[in-house]
Every structure is written in C-alpha cells, then in structure tokens.
C-alpha cells in the first residue's frame, strides 16, 4: 500500500499496522487497516489529522458517524473520544501532533 521507502521505516508497536516516522512535535504513521477492523471508543492526548490514501474510514465522533474516502482529510481534537471502523482495506497517513503548551 505504501512505497518501499515508507515500508522501510520502523514498524509501529500498537493496535494497528503502521510504519512510524518521528518528526519534531509530531508522530507520523503510515497505517493500514484490514477490512473488518473495529477500533473501540478511546481518546488521545494528541491532536490528530489523517489523510485517506486507500479505502474508507468510518469515524464516530460525538455519536455521529462520518465517512472519509480517498483524498479526504479528517481531524480528531486532543481529548475527544472517538471510535472507528473499516469495512474495506484502508490505508492512511496519520499525524499525531503533541499538545501545544
């Protein structure tokens, strides 16, 4: 799903498959989710943005379901509870920004 150069980055040790690139003030993940993946409600201390590169993200924020397809950006604010699911194989680039102090 990602170019060779990206696939040679360190693998993320977490609940989804991703290659991990560290930047100052931000963690960047090149993530892939198999069809049928469900991510239960949770929150992050980071301000998260994502760009869908393949498939579709179904994101649940404040009880509202939204769909994001290829080329679309989404945003989850720091501390905001959210959940997600993937009905088809999906890839995305995720940016997890550190809190602004």
N, C-alpha and C. Protein backbone atom coordinates (compact mmCIF):
# COMPACT_ATOMS: atom_id res chain seq x y z
N UNK A 1 0.81 -1.20 0.00
CA UNK A 1 0.00 0.00 0.00
C UNK A 1 0.85 1.27 0.00
N UNK A 2 2.07 1.17 0.51
CA UNK A 2 2.96 2.32 0.58
C UNK A 2 4.25 2.02 -0.19
N UNK A 3 4.95 3.08 -0.64
CA UNK A 3 6.21 2.88 -1.37
C UNK A 3 7.27 2.19 -0.50
N UNK A 4 8.25 1.57 -1.16
CA UNK A 4 9.32 0.86 -0.44
C UNK A 4 9.99 1.71 0.62
N UNK A 5 10.25 2.96 0.29
CA UNK A 5 10.95 3.85 1.24
C UNK A 5 10.16 3.98 2.54
N UNK A 6 8.85 4.06 2.45
CA UNK A 6 7.98 4.15 3.64
C UNK A 6 7.99 2.81 4.38
N UNK A 7 7.91 1.70 3.64
CA UNK A 7 7.86 0.37 4.27
C UNK A 7 9.15 0.01 4.98
N UNK A 8 10.22 0.76 4.76
CA UNK A 8 11.47 0.51 5.46
C UNK A 8 11.60 1.31 6.75
N UNK A 9 10.60 2.14 7.05
CA UNK A 9 10.58 2.85 8.34
C UNK A 9 10.32 1.84 9.46
N UNK A 10 10.63 2.20 10.72
CA UNK A 10 10.33 1.28 11.84
C UNK A 10 8.83 1.00 11.92
N UNK A 11 8.50 -0.22 12.30
CA UNK A 11 7.10 -0.60 12.46
C UNK A 11 6.58 -0.09 13.80
N UNK A 12 5.34 0.38 13.78
CA UNK A 12 4.65 0.85 14.97
C UNK A 12 4.29 -0.35 15.83
N UNK A 13 4.53 -0.26 17.12
CA UNK A 13 4.19 -1.32 18.07
C UNK A 13 2.89 -0.93 18.76
N UNK A 14 1.78 -1.14 18.08
CA UNK A 14 0.49 -0.74 18.61
C UNK A 14 -0.63 -1.60 18.03
N UNK A 15 -1.88 -1.15 18.24
CA UNK A 15 -3.04 -1.98 17.87
C UNK A 15 -3.42 -1.96 16.39
N UNK A 16 -2.60 -1.36 15.54
CA UNK A 16 -2.84 -1.39 14.09
C UNK A 16 -1.49 -1.46 13.39
N UNK A 17 -1.49 -1.85 12.13
CA UNK A 17 -0.25 -1.94 11.36
C UNK A 17 0.12 -0.57 10.81
N UNK A 18 1.35 -0.15 11.08
CA UNK A 18 1.80 1.15 10.59
C UNK A 18 3.31 1.21 10.57
N UNK A 19 3.81 2.08 9.71
CA UNK A 19 5.22 2.43 9.69
C UNK A 19 5.32 3.80 10.35
N UNK A 20 6.32 4.00 11.18
CA UNK A 20 6.37 5.13 12.09
C UNK A 20 7.52 6.07 11.73
N UNK A 21 7.18 7.34 11.51
CA UNK A 21 8.16 8.38 11.23
C UNK A 21 8.02 9.44 12.31
N UNK A 22 9.11 9.74 13.01
CA UNK A 22 9.08 10.72 14.08
C UNK A 22 9.51 12.08 13.53
N UNK A 23 8.75 13.11 13.84
CA UNK A 23 9.08 14.48 13.47
C UNK A 23 8.99 15.32 14.74
N UNK A 24 9.65 16.44 14.77
CA UNK A 24 9.61 17.27 15.96
C UNK A 24 8.17 17.75 16.21
N UNK A 25 7.64 17.40 17.38
CA UNK A 25 6.30 17.81 17.76
C UNK A 25 5.19 17.00 17.14
N UNK A 26 5.53 15.91 16.46
CA UNK A 26 4.50 15.13 15.76
C UNK A 26 4.99 13.70 15.52
N UNK A 27 4.08 12.76 15.68
CA UNK A 27 4.32 11.37 15.27
C UNK A 27 3.56 11.18 13.96
N UNK A 28 4.18 10.53 12.99
CA UNK A 28 3.54 10.32 11.70
C UNK A 28 3.46 8.82 11.45
N UNK A 29 2.27 8.34 11.13
CA UNK A 29 2.04 6.91 10.90
C UNK A 29 1.51 6.69 9.49
N UNK A 30 2.07 5.73 8.80
CA UNK A 30 1.57 5.26 7.52
C UNK A 30 0.85 3.96 7.85
N UNK A 31 -0.45 4.06 8.08
CA UNK A 31 -1.23 2.98 8.68
C UNK A 31 -2.08 2.25 7.66
N UNK A 32 -2.28 0.95 7.91
CA UNK A 32 -3.17 0.15 7.08
C UNK A 32 -4.09 -0.66 7.99
N UNK A 33 -5.33 -0.78 7.56
CA UNK A 33 -6.35 -1.47 8.33
C UNK A 33 -7.05 -2.49 7.44
N UNK A 34 -7.05 -3.76 7.81
CA UNK A 34 -7.79 -4.75 7.03
C UNK A 34 -9.29 -4.52 7.13
N UNK A 35 -10.03 -4.98 6.13
CA UNK A 35 -11.49 -4.93 6.19
C UNK A 35 -11.96 -5.63 7.46
N UNK A 36 -12.94 -5.03 8.12
CA UNK A 36 -13.49 -5.61 9.34
C UNK A 36 -12.85 -5.09 10.61
N UNK A 37 -11.81 -4.26 10.50
CA UNK A 37 -11.17 -3.69 11.69
C UNK A 37 -12.13 -2.75 12.41
N UNK A 38 -12.22 -2.91 13.73
CA UNK A 38 -13.03 -2.04 14.58
C UNK A 38 -12.12 -1.49 15.68
N UNK A 39 -12.14 -0.19 15.86
CA UNK A 39 -11.39 0.45 16.93
C UNK A 39 -12.41 1.02 17.91
N UNK A 40 -12.40 0.49 19.11
CA UNK A 40 -13.37 0.87 20.14
C UNK A 40 -13.17 2.32 20.58
N UNK A 41 -14.18 2.91 21.24
CA UNK A 41 -14.06 4.29 21.71
C UNK A 41 -12.82 4.49 22.59
N UNK A 42 -12.11 5.59 22.33
CA UNK A 42 -10.90 5.93 23.07
C UNK A 42 -10.59 7.40 22.80
N UNK A 43 -9.54 7.90 23.41
CA UNK A 43 -9.10 9.27 23.13
C UNK A 43 -7.58 9.32 23.19
N UNK A 44 -7.03 10.41 22.68
CA UNK A 44 -5.58 10.65 22.66
C UNK A 44 -5.30 12.00 23.29
N UNK A 45 -4.10 12.17 23.77
CA UNK A 45 -3.66 13.48 24.25
C UNK A 45 -3.16 14.32 23.08
N UNK A 46 -3.07 13.71 21.91
CA UNK A 46 -2.57 14.39 20.72
C UNK A 46 -3.72 14.92 19.88
N UNK A 47 -3.42 15.92 19.05
CA UNK A 47 -4.36 16.49 18.08
C UNK A 47 -4.11 15.76 16.77
N UNK A 48 -5.06 14.97 16.31
CA UNK A 48 -4.82 14.05 15.20
C UNK A 48 -5.49 14.50 13.90
N UNK A 49 -4.72 14.41 12.83
CA UNK A 49 -5.23 14.64 11.48
C UNK A 49 -4.87 13.42 10.65
N UNK A 50 -5.71 13.08 9.67
CA UNK A 50 -5.40 11.96 8.80
C UNK A 50 -5.85 12.21 7.39
N UNK A 51 -5.14 11.57 6.45
CA UNK A 51 -5.45 11.63 5.04
C UNK A 51 -5.64 10.21 4.53
N UNK A 52 -6.81 9.90 4.01
CA UNK A 52 -7.10 8.56 3.50
C UNK A 52 -6.46 8.41 2.12
N UNK A 53 -5.66 7.35 1.95
CA UNK A 53 -4.99 7.11 0.67
C UNK A 53 -5.56 5.90 -0.08
N UNK A 54 -6.32 5.07 0.61
CA UNK A 54 -6.96 3.91 0.00
C UNK A 54 -8.13 3.52 0.89
N UNK A 55 -9.24 3.11 0.30
CA UNK A 55 -10.37 2.62 1.08
C UNK A 55 -11.21 3.72 1.70
N UNK A 56 -11.72 3.44 2.92
CA UNK A 56 -12.64 4.37 3.58
C UNK A 56 -12.58 4.20 5.09
N UNK A 57 -12.54 5.32 5.80
CA UNK A 57 -12.62 5.36 7.25
C UNK A 57 -14.04 5.73 7.64
N UNK A 58 -14.61 4.98 8.58
CA UNK A 58 -15.89 5.35 9.19
C UNK A 58 -15.54 5.79 10.60
N UNK A 59 -15.67 7.09 10.85
CA UNK A 59 -15.25 7.70 12.10
C UNK A 59 -16.48 8.12 12.90
N UNK A 60 -16.51 7.77 14.19
CA UNK A 60 -17.62 8.12 15.06
C UNK A 60 -17.12 9.14 16.07
N UNK A 61 -17.65 10.37 15.98
CA UNK A 61 -17.31 11.47 16.89
C UNK A 61 -18.61 12.01 17.47
N UNK A 62 -18.67 12.15 18.79
CA UNK A 62 -19.85 12.70 19.46
C UNK A 62 -21.12 11.99 19.02
N UNK A 63 -21.04 10.67 18.84
CA UNK A 63 -22.19 9.89 18.45
C UNK A 63 -22.59 10.01 16.99
N UNK A 64 -21.85 10.80 16.22
CA UNK A 64 -22.16 10.99 14.80
C UNK A 64 -21.16 10.22 13.94
N UNK A 65 -21.68 9.47 12.98
CA UNK A 65 -20.83 8.71 12.07
C UNK A 65 -20.53 9.53 10.83
N UNK A 66 -19.25 9.56 10.45
CA UNK A 66 -18.82 10.26 9.24
C UNK A 66 -17.97 9.31 8.41
N UNK A 67 -18.05 9.43 7.10
CA UNK A 67 -17.26 8.60 6.20
C UNK A 67 -16.23 9.47 5.48
N UNK A 68 -15.00 8.96 5.41
CA UNK A 68 -13.92 9.67 4.73
C UNK A 68 -13.29 8.73 3.72
N UNK A 69 -13.23 9.17 2.46
CA UNK A 69 -12.68 8.35 1.39
C UNK A 69 -11.33 8.89 0.91
N UNK A 70 -10.85 8.28 -0.14
CA UNK A 70 -9.54 8.61 -0.71
C UNK A 70 -9.45 10.12 -0.99
N UNK A 71 -8.35 10.70 -0.51
CA UNK A 71 -8.10 12.12 -0.72
C UNK A 71 -8.73 13.03 0.30
N UNK A 72 -9.49 12.48 1.23
CA UNK A 72 -10.14 13.31 2.24
C UNK A 72 -9.36 13.31 3.55
N UNK A 73 -9.36 14.48 4.18
CA UNK A 73 -8.73 14.68 5.49
C UNK A 73 -9.78 14.59 6.57
N UNK A 74 -9.38 14.12 7.75
CA UNK A 74 -10.24 14.17 8.94
C UNK A 74 -9.42 14.72 10.10
N UNK A 75 -10.13 15.13 11.15
CA UNK A 75 -9.48 15.70 12.33
C UNK A 75 -10.18 15.19 13.59
N UNK A 76 -9.37 14.80 14.57
CA UNK A 76 -9.87 14.43 15.90
C UNK A 76 -9.08 15.27 16.90
N UNK A 77 -9.77 16.14 17.61
CA UNK A 77 -9.11 17.02 18.59
C UNK A 77 -8.56 16.24 19.76
N UNK A 78 -7.52 16.77 20.37
CA UNK A 78 -6.94 16.16 21.57
C UNK A 78 -8.02 15.99 22.63
N UNK A 79 -8.06 14.82 23.25
CA UNK A 79 -9.02 14.52 24.31
C UNK A 79 -10.40 14.14 23.84
N UNK A 80 -10.69 14.24 22.54
CA UNK A 80 -12.02 13.93 22.01
C UNK A 80 -12.20 12.42 21.86
N UNK A 81 -13.23 11.89 22.52
CA UNK A 81 -13.50 10.45 22.40
C UNK A 81 -14.00 10.16 20.99
N UNK A 82 -13.49 9.05 20.43
CA UNK A 82 -13.86 8.66 19.07
C UNK A 82 -13.70 7.16 18.91
N UNK A 83 -14.31 6.64 17.88
CA UNK A 83 -14.19 5.23 17.50
C UNK A 83 -14.11 5.18 15.98
N UNK A 84 -13.72 4.02 15.46
CA UNK A 84 -13.59 3.90 14.00
C UNK A 84 -13.84 2.47 13.58
N UNK A 85 -14.19 2.34 12.31
CA UNK A 85 -14.26 1.01 11.70
C UNK A 85 -13.94 1.12 10.23
N UNK A 86 -13.57 -0.03 9.68
CA UNK A 86 -13.12 -0.10 8.29
C UNK A 86 -13.81 -1.29 7.65
N UNK A 87 -14.69 -1.03 6.70
CA UNK A 87 -15.43 -2.09 6.02
C UNK A 87 -14.65 -2.64 4.82
N UNK A 88 -13.62 -1.94 4.40
CA UNK A 88 -12.78 -2.37 3.28
C UNK A 88 -11.32 -2.09 3.65
N UNK A 89 -10.39 -2.77 3.00
CA UNK A 89 -8.98 -2.48 3.30
C UNK A 89 -8.72 -0.98 3.11
N UNK A 90 -8.06 -0.39 4.09
CA UNK A 90 -7.88 1.07 4.09
C UNK A 90 -6.46 1.41 4.49
N UNK A 91 -5.92 2.46 3.87
CA UNK A 91 -4.61 2.98 4.23
C UNK A 91 -4.75 4.48 4.43
N UNK A 92 -3.93 5.01 5.33
CA UNK A 92 -3.96 6.44 5.58
C UNK A 92 -2.63 6.90 6.15
N UNK A 93 -2.41 8.20 6.07
CA UNK A 93 -1.28 8.84 6.73
C UNK A 93 -1.87 9.61 7.91
N UNK A 94 -1.37 9.31 9.12
CA UNK A 94 -1.89 9.93 10.34
C UNK A 94 -0.82 10.83 10.95
N UNK A 95 -1.23 12.00 11.38
CA UNK A 95 -0.35 12.97 12.03
C UNK A 95 -0.87 13.18 13.45
N UNK A 96 -0.08 12.79 14.43
CA UNK A 96 -0.46 12.93 15.84
C UNK A 96 0.39 14.05 16.44
N UNK A 97 -0.16 15.26 16.50
CA UNK A 97 0.58 16.42 16.98
C UNK A 97 0.58 16.49 18.50
N UNK A 98 1.76 16.78 19.07
CA UNK A 98 1.87 16.97 20.50
C UNK A 98 1.02 18.15 20.94
N UNK A 99 0.54 18.12 22.19
CA UNK A 99 -0.24 19.28 22.68
C UNK A 99 0.60 20.56 22.62
N UNK A 100 -0.06 21.65 22.34
CA UNK A 100 0.60 22.95 22.35
C UNK A 100 0.59 23.47 23.77
N UNK A 101 1.76 23.85 24.25
CA UNK A 101 1.85 24.32 25.64
C UNK A 101 1.92 25.82 25.71
